[in-house]
C-alpha atoms as a PDB file:
ATOM      1  CA  UNK A   1      -3.758  10.227  11.498  1.00  0.00           C
ATOM      2  CA  UNK A   2      -5.253  13.074  10.484  1.00  0.00           C
ATOM      3  CA  UNK A   3      -9.036  13.415  10.639  1.00  0.00           C
ATOM      4  CA  UNK A   4     -11.633  10.480  11.811  1.00  0.00           C
ATOM      5  CA  UNK A   5     -11.389   7.082  10.306  1.00  0.00           C
ATOM      6  CA  UNK A   6     -14.188   7.177   7.256  1.00  0.00           C
ATOM      7  CA  UNK A   7     -16.557   4.813   9.376  1.00  0.00           C
ATOM      8  CA  UNK A   8     -17.656   2.700   6.014  1.00  0.00           C
ATOM      9  CA  UNK A   9     -13.948   0.961   5.198  1.00  0.00           C
ATOM     10  CA  UNK A  10     -12.562   0.185   8.860  1.00  0.00           C
ATOM     11  CA  UNK A  11      -8.700   0.932   8.709  1.00  0.00           C
ATOM     12  CA  UNK A  12      -5.318  -0.680   9.851  1.00  0.00           C
ATOM     13  CA  UNK A  13      -1.927   0.953  10.172  1.00  0.00           C
ATOM     14  CA  UNK A  14       0.973  -0.794   9.413  1.00  0.00           C
ATOM     15  CA  UNK A  15       3.961  -0.079  11.940  1.00  0.00           C
ATOM     16  CA  UNK A  16       6.927  -1.961   9.072  1.00  0.00           C
ATOM     17  CA  UNK A  17       9.014  -2.407   6.456  1.00  0.00           C
ATOM     18  CA  UNK A  18       7.712  -3.975   3.248  1.00  0.00           C
ATOM     19  CA  UNK A  19       7.855  -2.522  -0.492  1.00  0.00           C
ATOM     20  CA  UNK A  20       5.043  -1.178  -1.817  1.00  0.00           C
ATOM     21  CA  UNK A  21       6.209  -1.239  -5.745  1.00  0.00           C
ATOM     22  CA  UNK A  22       4.832   1.586  -8.040  1.00  0.00           C
ATOM     23  CA  UNK A  23       4.080   0.895 -12.081  1.00  0.00           C
ATOM     24  CA  UNK A  24       1.473   1.933 -14.127  1.00  0.00           C
ATOM     25  CA  UNK A  25       0.669  -1.305 -15.376  1.00  0.00           C
ATOM     26  CA  UNK A  26      -1.628  -3.398 -13.452  1.00  0.00           C
ATOM     27  CA  UNK A  27       0.651  -6.689 -13.311  1.00  0.00           C
ATOM     28  CA  UNK A  28       3.644  -5.961 -13.937  1.00  0.00           C
ATOM     29  CA  UNK A  29       7.831  -8.004 -14.403  1.00  0.00           C
ATOM     30  CA  UNK A  30       9.645  -8.150 -11.945  1.00  0.00           C
ATOM     31  CA  UNK A  31      12.196  -6.319 -14.143  1.00  0.00           C
ATOM     32  CA  UNK A  32       9.551  -3.148 -15.413  1.00  0.00           C
ATOM     33  CA  UNK A  33       9.240  -3.136 -11.473  1.00  0.00           C
ATOM     34  CA  UNK A  34      12.208   0.780 -11.701  1.00  0.00           C
ATOM     35  CA  UNK A  35      10.002   2.231  -8.225  1.00  0.00           C
ATOM     36  CA  UNK A  36      10.012   0.513  -5.054  1.00  0.00           C
ATOM     37  CA  UNK A  37       9.590   2.402  -1.589  1.00  0.00           C
ATOM     38  CA  UNK A  38       9.689   1.264   2.010  1.00  0.00           C
ATOM     39  CA  UNK A  39       7.400   3.965   4.000  1.00  0.00           C
ATOM     40  CA  UNK A  40       7.449   4.165   7.541  1.00  0.00           C
ATOM     41  CA  UNK A  41       3.839   4.250   8.403  1.00  0.00           C
ATOM     42  CA  UNK A  42       1.430   2.870   6.349  1.00  0.00           C
ATOM     43  CA  UNK A  43      -2.131   3.236   6.165  1.00  0.00           C
ATOM     44  CA  UNK A  44      -4.904   1.058   4.567  1.00  0.00           C
ATOM     45  CA  UNK A  45      -8.699   1.649   4.443  1.00  0.00           C
ATOM     46  CA  UNK A  46      -8.933  -0.457   1.237  1.00  0.00           C
ATOM     47  CA  UNK A  47      -8.098  -4.330   1.358  1.00  0.00           C
ATOM     48  CA  UNK A  48      -8.977  -4.238  -1.919  1.00  0.00           C
ATOM     49  CA  UNK A  49      -6.203  -2.075  -3.967  1.00  0.00           C
ATOM     50  CA  UNK A  50      -3.365  -4.162  -2.828  1.00  0.00           C
ATOM     51  CA  UNK A  51      -1.745  -7.492  -2.658  1.00  0.00           C
ATOM     52  CA  UNK A  52       0.505  -9.639  -0.509  1.00  0.00           C
ATOM     53  CA  UNK A  53       2.978 -11.457  -2.173  1.00  0.00           C
END
């Protein structure tokens, strides 16, 4: 990470392959998702912004 972590939001890092589905809709159907990425490293500071499936 470059810089200090925000004190009010604890962050977690993930070093594992998982899919991030990029869409413009809030809850798209599987056939509506055209872009999927698998990052090498991810930092999550607000767990409310993502959902596990």
